[in-house]
């Protein structure tokens, strides 16, 4: 490790008694990543493909593998131009390596998200290790890794966990360059800059301008705060521009040609600009939305969030803390002010928030302001934790076949760990409180993934429909026809050639080809009418009922076998 790698700004920091076990201090990153994997894996392999975004990404990737076209992105027969190709390429690589047969195992598409989340945690560890001790770095990585939001994104085949890994890596290099300039140490190594710019370029290829907005806003804020921009040339922007162009430009040119410019009109002119100008796809919310959600999506780190921010503001004269504040605040404000809001949008701010929380945790600083903030955070943490424990125990009762006593018992164990935090905070045993919070999170995530999710049978309509089709399929059956149920997960599970129609069109198609048809109750009359008019015959095989959570309504679907019209 070079001379500037640890700039511990805590007075007397070297003299403090070590609070981490010796094994953790010897291999902190390995232990940290192991705990994260332990928390994230429940449900990673068994959670069905989720509607709608995850199944859209996975199905578009599957079609890339089927067609061999890795430039033009399609979902069904419709161009999918909301995001660049980076995430599809990563998912295609993991599925090509790990998938088999029809490539309909959703977990193979989730591997990039898992690796991206691990990269984000590792980058956060090294970020904090730059200016603080191993306890703070370990705590920051753990707070980030156990957050509900990152735990969720790590096992969903979307862009956000990979974007976090790219953003955290790029911001770590940015901050290290900034701190070098503040401490008048040597210029950064070329390899370090290449890593940072490479992560930035990959982030652009994953989710377009989002990473640029986060990094540029942080830099502008800290430059204005310091009234000093002279450290910026140390980033070697011309080299960086070359690296980013090398990563992004080949595909950017190719997709522009292949789509005749429609990709940029759709992704930038409609998707990105639409989210800035209005509430896209009914996902609008007023400013303050993310702040209200923070005690849940950042849980269990929300236990330290308010005192971490208060403590960080008190230490704002320190360059490292100043950069973290600029990163967290500007990123949060960008998404709070944008009309379109979804909970995962603020994930790029989490590494900075986790670092601020960790700095307060290791400092043990006690002021009137931090005490008030700590008790507010404790109340919010406890409410969120007990709500989570209650939900994972009760959910199968509402959305499945019932909750057995042992599900309540295991969820109660997590709830007890949450309550155990209270006396630890009252007696100022912060590390014990952190340990109880982490244990409670790992237990509840395990209960949710291993015990709760498999019992939510009412929610998993597409897997149940696919199982019914498998039970009744016959050799030489044509692709399944659906009427009134067009969730992308059913296409992913049944195959790209699945026909998604309304009742009359599905009836005409099935009457000509025969085979199996899935028909929702609201399309049943028109479907059967079209079948009769074509001289075909439909035989009901079974009914499948459940909650279409994408639409928020109960749905009943009948599986038919169609005897085609005699020509």
Protein backbone atom coordinates (compact mmCIF):
# COMPACT_ATOMS: atom_id res chain seq x y z
CA UNK A 1 0.00 0.00 0.00
CA UNK A 2 1.45 3.40 -0.96
CA UNK A 3 2.22 6.16 1.51
CA UNK A 4 -0.99 8.08 1.01
CA UNK A 5 -3.35 5.11 1.03
CA UNK A 6 -4.39 5.59 4.66
CA UNK A 7 -4.82 9.18 5.79
CA UNK A 8 -6.59 8.54 9.09
CA UNK A 9 -8.05 11.88 10.10
CA UNK A 10 -9.23 10.77 13.54
CA UNK A 11 -7.23 12.32 16.36
CA UNK A 12 -5.44 9.54 18.16
CA UNK A 13 -6.85 7.04 15.68
CA UNK A 14 -3.80 4.77 15.81
CA UNK A 15 -4.06 4.43 19.58
CA UNK A 16 -7.65 3.18 19.65
CA UNK A 17 -8.24 -0.42 20.65
CA UNK A 18 -9.11 -2.65 17.72
CA UNK A 19 -12.81 -3.52 17.69
CA UNK A 20 -12.76 -6.09 14.88
CA UNK A 21 -11.68 -9.69 15.52
CA UNK A 22 -8.16 -10.53 14.43
CA UNK A 23 -9.38 -12.76 11.59
CA UNK A 24 -11.46 -9.89 10.20
CA UNK A 25 -8.55 -7.46 10.52
CA UNK A 26 -6.28 -9.85 8.63
CA UNK A 27 -8.71 -10.49 5.76
CA UNK A 28 -11.25 -7.65 6.00
CA UNK A 29 -12.29 -7.54 2.36
CA UNK A 30 -12.70 -11.32 2.06
CA UNK A 31 -14.86 -11.43 5.21
CA UNK A 32 -16.86 -8.43 4.03
CA UNK A 33 -17.65 -9.96 0.65
CA UNK A 34 -18.49 -13.31 2.26
CA UNK A 35 -21.06 -11.66 4.54
CA UNK A 36 -22.57 -9.84 1.56
CA UNK A 37 -22.88 -13.03 -0.48
CA UNK A 38 -24.43 -14.74 2.56
CA UNK A 39 -27.04 -11.97 2.74
CA UNK A 40 -27.71 -11.76 -1.00
CA UNK A 41 -27.90 -15.40 -2.09
CA UNK A 42 -31.26 -16.28 -0.47
CA UNK A 43 -33.66 -16.08 -3.39
CA UNK A 44 -30.94 -15.52 -5.99
CA UNK A 45 -31.54 -18.91 -7.58
CA UNK A 46 -35.18 -19.47 -6.58
CA UNK A 47 -36.85 -16.06 -7.02
CA UNK A 48 -38.88 -16.29 -10.25
CA UNK A 49 -38.28 -13.81 -13.10
CA UNK A 50 -39.83 -10.55 -11.97
CA UNK A 51 -42.13 -8.31 -13.98
CA UNK A 52 -41.60 -6.13 -15.62
CA UNK A 53 -38.09 -4.73 -15.87
CA UNK A 54 -36.08 -7.83 -14.96
CA UNK A 55 -37.95 -10.04 -17.43
CA UNK A 56 -37.64 -7.41 -20.13
CA UNK A 57 -33.86 -7.24 -19.71
CA UNK A 58 -33.52 -11.02 -19.57
CA UNK A 59 -35.78 -11.64 -22.57
CA UNK A 60 -33.99 -9.04 -24.69
CA UNK A 61 -30.68 -10.66 -23.75
CA UNK A 62 -32.03 -14.11 -24.60
CA UNK A 63 -33.03 -12.81 -28.03
CA UNK A 64 -29.49 -11.50 -28.54
CA UNK A 65 -28.18 -15.01 -27.93
CA UNK A 66 -30.83 -16.55 -30.18
CA UNK A 67 -30.28 -14.19 -33.11
CA UNK A 68 -26.59 -13.46 -32.73
CA UNK A 69 -27.32 -9.72 -33.11
CA UNK A 70 -25.50 -8.01 -30.24
CA UNK A 71 -25.95 -4.46 -31.55
CA UNK A 72 -29.66 -3.95 -32.10
CA UNK A 73 -31.71 -4.59 -28.93
CA UNK A 74 -35.15 -6.13 -29.37
CA UNK A 75 -37.90 -7.37 -27.08
CA UNK A 76 -40.25 -9.60 -28.99
CA UNK A 77 -40.42 -7.86 -32.36
CA UNK A 78 -40.14 -4.35 -30.88
CA UNK A 79 -36.88 -2.37 -30.58
CA UNK A 80 -35.84 -1.82 -26.95
CA UNK A 81 -33.94 1.43 -27.00
CA UNK A 82 -34.24 2.71 -23.41
CA UNK A 83 -30.72 1.69 -22.29
CA UNK A 84 -27.35 1.03 -23.98
CA UNK A 85 -26.16 -2.50 -24.68
CA UNK A 86 -23.68 -2.94 -21.83
CA UNK A 87 -25.95 -4.79 -19.42
CA UNK A 88 -27.26 -7.06 -22.18
CA UNK A 89 -23.71 -8.00 -23.16
CA UNK A 90 -22.80 -8.85 -19.57
CA UNK A 91 -25.95 -10.91 -19.12
CA UNK A 92 -25.37 -12.63 -22.46
CA UNK A 93 -21.82 -13.54 -21.43
CA UNK A 94 -22.90 -14.99 -18.07
CA UNK A 95 -25.82 -16.89 -19.62
CA UNK A 96 -23.71 -18.23 -22.49
CA UNK A 97 -21.21 -19.51 -19.91
CA UNK A 98 -23.66 -20.82 -17.30
CA UNK A 99 -26.98 -21.36 -19.07
CA UNK A 100 -28.20 -24.51 -20.78
CA UNK A 101 -31.01 -25.57 -23.09
CA UNK A 102 -33.67 -22.90 -23.52
CA UNK A 103 -31.68 -20.46 -21.38
CA UNK A 104 -34.73 -19.77 -19.23
CA UNK A 105 -32.98 -20.00 -15.83
CA UNK A 106 -33.21 -16.42 -14.63
CA UNK A 107 -30.30 -16.71 -12.20
CA UNK A 108 -27.76 -16.83 -15.06
CA UNK A 109 -28.90 -13.35 -16.09
CA UNK A 110 -28.49 -12.11 -12.50
CA UNK A 111 -24.80 -12.93 -12.21
CA UNK A 112 -23.64 -9.49 -13.52
CA UNK A 113 -25.80 -7.79 -10.88
CA UNK A 114 -24.24 -9.91 -8.14
CA UNK A 115 -20.72 -9.14 -9.37
CA UNK A 116 -21.53 -5.45 -9.81
CA UNK A 117 -22.84 -5.23 -6.26
CA UNK A 118 -19.69 -6.94 -4.94
CA UNK A 119 -17.58 -4.48 -6.94
CA UNK A 120 -19.50 -1.60 -5.37
CA UNK A 121 -18.88 -2.93 -1.86
CA UNK A 122 -15.18 -3.53 -2.58
CA UNK A 123 -14.78 -0.05 -4.08
CA UNK A 124 -16.43 1.47 -1.00
CA UNK A 125 -14.01 -0.44 1.22
CA UNK A 126 -11.01 0.94 -0.68
CA UNK A 127 -12.58 4.39 -0.82
CA UNK A 128 -12.72 4.63 2.98
CA UNK A 129 -9.39 2.84 3.40
CA UNK A 130 -7.85 5.77 1.56
CA UNK A 131 -8.33 8.12 4.49
CA UNK A 132 -9.37 5.99 7.51
CA UNK A 133 -8.59 2.74 9.27
CA UNK A 134 -9.73 -0.77 8.50
CA UNK A 135 -12.64 -0.58 10.98
CA UNK A 136 -14.20 2.34 9.14
CA UNK A 137 -13.61 0.73 5.73
CA UNK A 138 -15.13 -2.57 6.86
CA UNK A 139 -18.12 -0.83 8.45
CA UNK A 140 -18.77 1.27 5.34
CA UNK A 141 -18.72 -1.78 3.08
CA UNK A 142 -21.00 -3.69 5.44
CA UNK A 143 -23.52 -0.86 5.76
CA UNK A 144 -23.69 -0.59 1.98
CA UNK A 145 -23.77 -4.34 1.38
CA UNK A 146 -26.55 -5.06 3.88
CA UNK A 147 -28.80 -2.22 2.76
CA UNK A 148 -32.20 -3.48 1.64
CA UNK A 149 -31.88 -1.69 -1.67
CA UNK A 150 -28.52 -3.16 -2.67
CA UNK A 151 -29.50 -6.61 -1.35
CA UNK A 152 -32.52 -6.47 -3.66
CA UNK A 153 -30.67 -5.13 -6.70
CA UNK A 154 -27.87 -7.69 -6.32
CA UNK A 155 -30.30 -10.46 -7.30
CA UNK A 156 -32.30 -8.74 -10.02
CA UNK A 157 -31.16 -8.85 -13.64
CA UNK A 158 -31.17 -5.08 -14.24
CA UNK A 159 -28.69 -2.26 -14.62
CA UNK A 160 -28.56 -0.73 -11.16
CA UNK A 161 -26.18 -3.00 -9.23
CA UNK A 162 -23.67 -2.92 -12.10
CA UNK A 163 -24.05 0.85 -12.33
CA UNK A 164 -23.30 1.08 -8.61
CA UNK A 165 -20.09 -0.91 -9.06
CA UNK A 166 -19.00 1.39 -11.89
CA UNK A 167 -19.96 4.58 -10.05
CA UNK A 168 -18.29 3.57 -6.77
CA UNK A 169 -15.09 2.62 -8.59
CA UNK A 170 -14.98 5.84 -10.62
CA UNK A 171 -15.76 7.97 -7.56
CA UNK A 172 -13.09 6.16 -5.53
CA UNK A 173 -10.44 7.07 -8.09
CA UNK A 174 -11.77 10.63 -8.31
CA UNK A 175 -11.62 11.04 -4.56
CA UNK A 176 -8.14 9.56 -4.30
CA UNK A 177 -6.90 12.02 -6.93
CA UNK A 178 -8.58 14.84 -5.04
CA UNK A 179 -7.00 13.82 -1.73
CA UNK A 180 -3.58 13.47 -3.32
CA UNK A 181 -3.83 17.07 -4.47
CA UNK A 182 -4.96 18.24 -1.02
CA UNK A 183 -2.04 16.47 0.69
CA UNK A 184 0.48 17.48 -2.01
CA UNK A 185 1.52 13.91 -2.65
CA UNK A 186 2.60 12.39 -5.95
CA UNK A 187 0.34 12.31 -8.96
CA UNK A 188 -1.83 9.21 -9.36
CA UNK A 189 -0.48 6.16 -11.13
CA UNK A 190 -1.53 5.59 -14.73
CA UNK A 191 -3.10 2.25 -13.83
CA UNK A 192 -5.32 3.95 -11.26
CA UNK A 193 -6.57 6.50 -13.77
CA UNK A 194 -7.18 3.82 -16.37
CA UNK A 195 -9.25 1.90 -13.82
CA UNK A 196 -11.33 4.97 -12.95
CA UNK A 197 -11.93 6.05 -16.52
CA UNK A 198 -12.61 2.47 -17.56
CA UNK A 199 -15.29 2.16 -14.86
CA UNK A 200 -16.74 5.47 -16.02
CA UNK A 201 -16.89 4.28 -19.63
CA UNK A 202 -18.51 0.99 -18.64
CA UNK A 203 -21.04 2.93 -16.56
CA UNK A 204 -21.98 4.98 -19.64
CA UNK A 205 -22.40 1.75 -21.61
CA UNK A 206 -24.63 0.40 -18.83
CA UNK A 207 -26.98 3.33 -18.18
CA UNK A 208 -25.99 6.23 -20.34
CA UNK A 209 -25.49 9.66 -18.71
CA UNK A 210 -26.41 8.69 -15.13
CA UNK A 211 -22.83 8.01 -14.02
CA UNK A 212 -21.73 11.27 -15.64
CA UNK A 213 -24.39 13.19 -13.75
CA UNK A 214 -23.28 11.71 -10.41
CA UNK A 215 -19.53 12.17 -10.92
CA UNK A 216 -19.68 15.59 -12.56
CA UNK A 217 -22.08 16.96 -9.93
CA UNK A 218 -19.76 15.77 -7.15
CA UNK A 219 -16.74 17.39 -8.79
CA UNK A 220 -18.52 20.68 -9.49
CA UNK A 221 -19.77 20.85 -5.90
CA UNK A 222 -16.35 20.23 -4.34
CA UNK A 223 -14.64 22.64 -6.75
CA UNK A 224 -17.12 25.38 -5.82
CA UNK A 225 -16.74 24.57 -2.11
CA UNK A 226 -12.93 24.67 -2.25
CA UNK A 227 -12.76 27.41 -4.89
CA UNK A 228 -10.00 25.35 -6.41
CA UNK A 229 -10.05 23.49 -9.72
CA UNK A 230 -6.28 23.10 -10.11
CA UNK A 231 -6.37 19.40 -9.18
CA UNK A 232 -8.57 18.51 -12.14
CA UNK A 233 -5.72 18.18 -14.70
CA UNK A 234 -4.39 15.34 -12.54
CA UNK A 235 -7.32 13.33 -13.83
CA UNK A 236 -5.79 13.49 -17.33
CA UNK A 237 -9.11 14.21 -19.02
CA UNK A 238 -7.80 13.70 -22.56
CA UNK A 239 -6.65 10.20 -21.63
CA UNK A 240 -10.00 9.62 -19.96
CA UNK A 241 -11.95 10.81 -22.98
CA UNK A 242 -9.96 8.42 -25.14
CA UNK A 243 -10.67 5.47 -22.84
CA UNK A 244 -14.38 6.28 -22.65
CA UNK A 245 -14.60 6.64 -26.44
CA UNK A 246 -12.77 3.34 -26.89
CA UNK A 247 -15.36 1.63 -24.70
CA UNK A 248 -18.52 3.38 -25.88
CA UNK A 249 -17.95 4.71 -29.39
CA UNK A 250 -17.90 1.46 -31.43
CA UNK A 251 -21.32 0.41 -30.21
CA UNK A 252 -22.62 4.01 -30.23
CA UNK A 253 -21.83 4.29 -33.94
CA UNK A 254 -23.10 0.80 -34.75
CA UNK A 255 -26.46 1.29 -33.01
CA UNK A 256 -26.88 4.69 -34.62
CA UNK A 257 -26.50 3.09 -38.04
CA UNK A 258 -28.56 -0.02 -37.23
CA UNK A 259 -31.46 1.95 -35.72
CA UNK A 260 -31.23 4.89 -38.17
CA UNK A 261 -30.85 7.19 -35.17
CA UNK A 262 -33.96 5.93 -33.42
CA UNK A 263 -31.95 4.64 -30.45
CA UNK A 264 -30.84 8.17 -29.51
CA UNK A 265 -34.27 9.60 -30.10
CA UNK A 266 -35.78 6.97 -27.82
CA UNK A 267 -33.12 6.64 -25.10
CA UNK A 268 -32.12 10.29 -24.75
CA UNK A 269 -35.05 12.17 -26.24
CA UNK A 270 -37.82 10.11 -24.63
CA UNK A 271 -36.54 7.86 -21.82
CA UNK A 272 -33.89 10.07 -20.16
CA UNK A 273 -35.38 13.46 -20.98
CA UNK A 274 -38.85 12.16 -20.15
CA UNK A 275 -37.73 11.26 -16.64
CA UNK A 276 -36.28 14.74 -16.16
CA UNK A 277 -39.28 16.58 -17.56
CA UNK A 278 -42.22 14.55 -16.23
CA UNK A 279 -43.43 11.52 -14.30
CA UNK A 280 -42.73 8.73 -16.75
CA UNK A 281 -44.85 5.56 -16.70
CA UNK A 282 -46.84 6.81 -13.68
CA UNK A 283 -43.73 6.80 -11.50
CA UNK A 284 -43.98 10.43 -10.48
CA UNK A 285 -43.54 11.65 -6.90
CA UNK A 286 -42.86 15.00 -5.26
CA UNK A 287 -39.48 16.02 -3.79
CA UNK A 288 -38.90 14.29 -0.47
CA UNK A 289 -39.92 10.87 -1.78
CA UNK A 290 -36.47 9.35 -1.34
CA UNK A 291 -35.97 11.03 2.02
CA UNK A 292 -39.17 9.43 3.31
CA UNK A 293 -38.04 6.05 1.98
CA UNK A 294 -34.47 6.31 3.26
CA UNK A 295 -35.07 4.66 6.65
CA UNK A 296 -36.29 1.56 4.80
CA UNK A 297 -34.19 1.33 1.62
CA UNK A 298 -30.97 2.11 3.56
CA UNK A 299 -31.90 -0.20 6.45
CA UNK A 300 -30.13 -1.43 8.61
CA UNK A 301 -27.63 1.36 7.91
CA UNK A 302 -30.41 3.82 8.66
CA UNK A 303 -29.49 3.23 12.31
CA UNK A 304 -26.43 5.43 11.71
CA UNK A 305 -27.67 7.65 8.88
CA UNK A 306 -28.71 10.82 10.69
CA UNK A 307 -25.81 10.89 13.18
CA UNK A 308 -23.45 10.09 10.30
CA UNK A 309 -24.69 13.12 8.36
CA UNK A 310 -24.54 15.35 11.44
CA UNK A 311 -21.03 14.15 12.27
CA UNK A 312 -19.97 14.53 8.65
CA UNK A 313 -21.17 18.12 8.53
CA UNK A 314 -19.22 18.85 11.72
CA UNK A 315 -16.07 17.48 10.02
CA UNK A 316 -16.71 19.21 6.71
CA UNK A 317 -13.35 20.96 6.78
CA UNK A 318 -11.62 17.62 6.19
CA UNK A 319 -11.17 17.07 2.45
CA UNK A 320 -12.32 13.44 2.48
CA UNK A 321 -15.50 14.20 4.40
CA UNK A 322 -16.14 17.24 2.23
CA UNK A 323 -16.01 15.11 -0.91
CA UNK A 324 -18.34 12.52 0.61
CA UNK A 325 -20.85 15.22 1.52
CA UNK A 326 -20.72 16.68 -1.98
CA UNK A 327 -21.21 13.23 -3.51
CA UNK A 328 -24.11 12.24 -1.26
CA UNK A 329 -25.97 15.54 -1.30
CA UNK A 330 -25.70 16.34 -5.00
CA UNK A 331 -26.68 12.81 -6.06
CA UNK A 332 -29.63 12.79 -3.68
CA UNK A 333 -30.81 16.20 -4.87
CA UNK A 334 -30.57 15.26 -8.54
CA UNK A 335 -33.00 12.42 -8.08
CA UNK A 336 -35.22 14.20 -5.55
CA UNK A 337 -35.76 17.03 -8.03
CA UNK A 338 -36.41 14.77 -11.03
CA UNK A 339 -40.17 14.20 -11.47
CA UNK A 340 -39.82 10.47 -12.22
CA UNK A 341 -38.87 8.47 -9.15
CA UNK A 342 -38.25 4.81 -8.36
CA UNK A 343 -36.59 3.63 -5.13
CA UNK A 344 -33.41 2.35 -6.82
CA UNK A 345 -32.56 5.70 -8.44
CA UNK A 346 -30.65 6.95 -5.38
CA UNK A 347 -28.44 3.84 -5.10
CA UNK A 348 -25.36 5.71 -6.47
CA UNK A 349 -25.44 7.92 -3.35
CA UNK A 350 -25.24 4.94 -0.97
CA UNK A 351 -21.42 4.45 -0.90
CA UNK A 352 -20.92 8.04 0.28
CA UNK A 353 -23.70 7.74 2.86
CA UNK A 354 -22.28 4.43 4.10
CA UNK A 355 -18.83 6.01 4.45
CA UNK A 356 -20.22 8.91 6.49
CA UNK A 357 -22.09 6.48 8.74
CA UNK A 358 -18.93 4.43 9.25
CA UNK A 359 -16.87 7.49 10.17
CA UNK A 360 -19.29 8.35 12.94
CA UNK A 361 -19.41 4.74 14.12
CA UNK A 362 -15.64 4.47 14.56
CA UNK A 363 -15.24 7.95 15.98
CA UNK A 364 -17.70 7.45 18.82
CA UNK A 365 -18.18 11.23 18.81
CA UNK A 366 -20.94 12.35 21.14
CA UNK A 367 -22.52 15.75 20.89
CA UNK A 368 -26.02 16.96 21.63
CA UNK A 369 -26.80 16.99 17.91
CA UNK A 370 -25.52 13.44 17.28
CA UNK A 371 -27.40 12.12 20.34
CA UNK A 372 -30.69 13.59 19.09
CA UNK A 373 -29.98 12.29 15.58
CA UNK A 374 -29.10 8.84 16.96
CA UNK A 375 -32.37 8.45 18.84
CA UNK A 376 -34.40 9.59 15.83
CA UNK A 377 -32.51 7.08 13.69
CA UNK A 378 -33.05 4.37 16.32
CA UNK A 379 -36.83 4.88 16.20
CA UNK A 380 -36.91 4.78 12.40
CA UNK A 381 -34.58 1.77 12.30
CA UNK A 382 -36.72 -0.16 14.78
CA UNK A 383 -39.97 0.59 12.96
CA UNK A 384 -38.49 -0.48 9.60
CA UNK A 385 -36.90 -3.63 11.04
CA UNK A 386 -40.00 -4.83 12.87
CA UNK A 387 -42.13 -4.05 9.82
CA UNK A 388 -39.81 -6.16 7.67
CA UNK A 389 -39.89 -9.03 10.20
CA UNK A 390 -43.68 -8.90 10.34
CA UNK A 391 -44.03 -8.76 6.56
CA UNK A 392 -41.80 -11.75 5.77
CA UNK A 393 -43.81 -13.80 8.30
CA UNK A 394 -47.27 -12.59 7.23
CA UNK A 395 -46.85 -12.32 3.43
CA UNK A 396 -47.52 -16.03 2.67
CA UNK A 397 -50.73 -15.77 4.66
CA UNK A 398 -51.89 -13.02 2.29
CA UNK A 399 -50.29 -14.09 -0.99
CA UNK A 400 -49.84 -17.84 -0.62
CA UNK A 401 -50.92 -20.95 1.15
CA UNK A 402 -50.44 -19.68 4.70
CA UNK A 403 -47.66 -19.02 7.19
CA UNK A 404 -46.59 -21.97 9.37
CA UNK A 405 -45.50 -21.42 12.96
CA UNK A 406 -41.84 -21.96 12.14
CA UNK A 407 -41.91 -19.08 9.68
CA UNK A 408 -43.15 -16.78 12.42
CA UNK A 409 -40.50 -18.17 14.78
CA UNK A 410 -37.59 -17.56 12.41
CA UNK A 411 -38.85 -14.09 11.52
CA UNK A 412 -39.17 -13.39 15.26
CA UNK A 413 -35.46 -14.18 15.65
CA UNK A 414 -34.67 -11.34 13.28
CA UNK A 415 -37.10 -9.10 15.14
CA UNK A 416 -35.38 -9.90 18.45
CA UNK A 417 -32.02 -8.91 16.93
CA UNK A 418 -33.60 -5.61 15.87
CA UNK A 419 -34.87 -4.97 19.40
CA UNK A 420 -31.47 -5.92 20.85
CA UNK A 421 -30.06 -2.81 19.17
CA UNK A 422 -32.02 -0.53 21.51
CA UNK A 423 -30.13 -1.18 24.79
CA UNK A 424 -26.82 -1.14 22.91
CA UNK A 425 -27.55 2.34 21.57
CA UNK A 426 -28.78 3.58 24.95
CA UNK A 427 -25.55 2.40 26.62
CA UNK A 428 -23.42 3.79 23.74
CA UNK A 429 -22.11 0.38 22.68
CA UNK A 430 -22.18 1.29 19.01
CA UNK A 431 -20.27 -1.70 17.64
CA UNK A 432 -22.51 -4.09 19.52
CA UNK A 433 -25.51 -2.26 18.07
CA UNK A 434 -24.00 -2.56 14.60
CA UNK A 435 -23.42 -6.29 15.11
CA UNK A 436 -27.02 -6.87 16.23
CA UNK A 437 -28.34 -4.85 13.29
CA UNK A 438 -26.19 -6.79 10.82
CA UNK A 439 -27.22 -10.13 12.34
CA UNK A 440 -30.89 -9.17 12.19
CA UNK A 441 -30.55 -8.16 8.53
CA UNK A 442 -28.85 -11.41 7.52
CA UNK A 443 -31.49 -13.47 9.37
CA UNK A 444 -34.43 -11.59 7.85
CA UNK A 445 -32.96 -11.69 4.35
CA UNK A 446 -32.45 -15.43 4.74
CA UNK A 447 -36.01 -15.93 5.97
CA UNK A 448 -37.37 -13.83 3.11
CA UNK A 449 -35.37 -15.59 0.40
CA UNK A 450 -35.51 -19.20 1.60
CA UNK A 451 -38.84 -19.39 3.43
CA UNK A 452 -41.14 -16.55 2.39
CA UNK A 453 -40.58 -16.18 -1.36
CA UNK A 454 -41.29 -19.83 -2.29
CA UNK A 455 -44.63 -19.64 -0.44
CA UNK A 456 -45.92 -16.52 -2.29
CA UNK A 457 -47.67 -18.70 -4.82
CA UNK A 458 -50.36 -16.14 -5.64
CA UNK A 459 -47.72 -13.74 -6.94
CA UNK A 460 -45.89 -16.17 -9.21
CA UNK A 461 -48.45 -16.45 -11.99
CA UNK A 462 -46.02 -16.86 -14.88
CA UNK A 463 -44.06 -19.76 -13.32
CA UNK A 464 -47.33 -21.53 -12.49
CA UNK A 465 -48.58 -21.00 -16.03
CA UNK A 466 -45.31 -22.32 -17.44
CA UNK A 467 -45.59 -25.40 -15.21
CA UNK A 468 -49.15 -26.00 -16.43
CA UNK A 469 -48.04 -25.70 -20.05
CA UNK A 470 -45.22 -28.19 -19.39
CA UNK A 471 -47.69 -30.69 -17.89
CA UNK A 472 -50.01 -30.57 -20.90
CA UNK A 473 -47.65 -29.99 -23.80
CA UNK A 474 -47.33 -32.54 -26.56
CA UNK A 475 -44.74 -33.21 -29.19
CA UNK A 476 -44.99 -30.89 -32.20
CA UNK A 477 -47.16 -28.36 -30.38
CA UNK A 478 -46.83 -24.87 -31.94
CA UNK A 479 -45.79 -21.92 -29.75
CA UNK A 480 -48.25 -21.13 -26.98
CA UNK A 481 -50.79 -18.38 -27.63
CA UNK A 482 -51.82 -16.02 -24.82
CA UNK A 483 -54.86 -13.75 -24.65
CA UNK A 484 -55.04 -10.94 -22.11
CA UNK A 485 -51.86 -11.88 -20.25
CA UNK A 486 -48.77 -10.29 -21.80
CA UNK A 487 -46.27 -9.96 -18.95
CA UNK A 488 -42.68 -10.30 -20.22
CA UNK A 489 -41.98 -13.10 -17.74
CA UNK A 490 -44.32 -15.44 -19.63
CA UNK A 491 -42.40 -14.83 -22.86
CA UNK A 492 -39.12 -15.46 -21.04
CA UNK A 493 -40.37 -18.75 -19.58
CA UNK A 494 -42.31 -20.10 -22.59
CA UNK A 495 -40.05 -18.85 -25.36
CA UNK A 496 -39.57 -15.93 -27.70
CA UNK A 497 -42.15 -17.21 -30.19
CA UNK A 498 -44.99 -17.09 -27.65
CA UNK A 499 -47.84 -15.16 -29.27
CA UNK A 500 -49.16 -12.35 -27.06
CA UNK A 501 -52.56 -11.37 -28.42
CA UNK A 502 -55.97 -10.11 -27.43
CA UNK A 503 -58.91 -12.52 -27.36
CA UNK A 504 -60.05 -12.42 -31.01
CA UNK A 505 -56.53 -12.47 -32.48
CA UNK A 506 -55.47 -15.29 -30.14
CA UNK A 507 -58.58 -17.26 -31.10
CA UNK A 508 -57.88 -16.93 -34.82
CA UNK A 509 -54.21 -17.88 -34.38
CA UNK A 510 -55.03 -20.90 -32.20
CA UNK A 511 -57.83 -22.02 -34.51
CA UNK A 512 -55.36 -22.23 -37.41
CA UNK A 513 -52.39 -23.79 -35.59
CA UNK A 514 -53.92 -25.69 -32.66
CA UNK A 515 -51.89 -26.38 -29.55
CA UNK A 516 -52.15 -24.65 -26.16
CA UNK A 517 -53.60 -21.25 -25.31
CA UNK A 518 -53.58 -19.24 -22.08
CA UNK A 519 -56.65 -17.02 -21.85
CA UNK A 520 -57.48 -14.52 -19.13
CA UNK A 521 -61.07 -14.36 -17.90
CA UNK A 522 -61.71 -10.92 -19.42
CA UNK A 523 -60.71 -12.21 -22.89
CA UNK A 524 -62.35 -15.61 -22.62
CA UNK A 525 -65.65 -14.82 -24.35
CA UNK A 526 -64.05 -13.13 -27.37
CA UNK A 527 -61.42 -15.87 -27.62
CA UNK A 528 -63.98 -18.70 -27.61
CA UNK A 529 -66.18 -16.81 -30.05
CA UNK A 530 -63.28 -16.56 -32.51
CA UNK A 531 -62.55 -20.26 -32.04
CA UNK A 532 -66.16 -21.22 -32.85
CA UNK A 533 -66.33 -18.90 -35.86
CA UNK A 534 -63.22 -20.56 -37.29
CA UNK A 535 -64.69 -24.04 -36.83
CA UNK A 536 -62.14 -25.07 -34.22
CA UNK A 537 -62.73 -26.55 -30.77
CA UNK A 538 -61.31 -25.51 -27.38
CA UNK A 539 -61.02 -27.90 -24.43
CA UNK A 540 -60.41 -26.41 -20.97
CA UNK A 541 -57.52 -28.14 -19.19
CA UNK A 542 -57.12 -26.17 -15.95
CA UNK A 543 -57.56 -22.78 -14.32
CA UNK A 544 -54.75 -20.82 -12.67
CA UNK A 545 -55.63 -17.86 -10.44
CA UNK A 546 -53.39 -15.33 -8.73
CA UNK A 547 -52.42 -11.69 -8.32
CA UNK A 548 -50.90 -9.92 -11.29
CA UNK A 549 -48.76 -7.62 -9.15
CA UNK A 550 -47.67 -5.54 -12.17
CA UNK A 551 -51.27 -4.45 -12.64
CA UNK A 552 -52.37 -4.86 -9.04
CA UNK A 553 -55.39 -7.01 -9.81
CA UNK A 554 -56.57 -10.57 -9.31
CA UNK A 555 -56.31 -12.62 -12.51
CA UNK A 556 -57.75 -15.97 -13.57
CA UNK A 557 -56.29 -17.69 -16.61
CA UNK A 558 -57.57 -20.82 -18.31
CA UNK A 559 -55.30 -23.19 -20.20
CA UNK A 560 -56.98 -24.57 -23.33
CA UNK A 561 -56.02 -27.18 -25.85
CA UNK A 562 -57.26 -26.21 -29.29
CA UNK A 563 -58.28 -28.69 -31.94
CA UNK A 564 -57.71 -26.70 -35.15
CA UNK A 565 -60.35 -26.24 -37.80
CA UNK A 566 -60.44 -28.97 -40.43
CA UNK A 567 -59.30 -27.55 -43.74
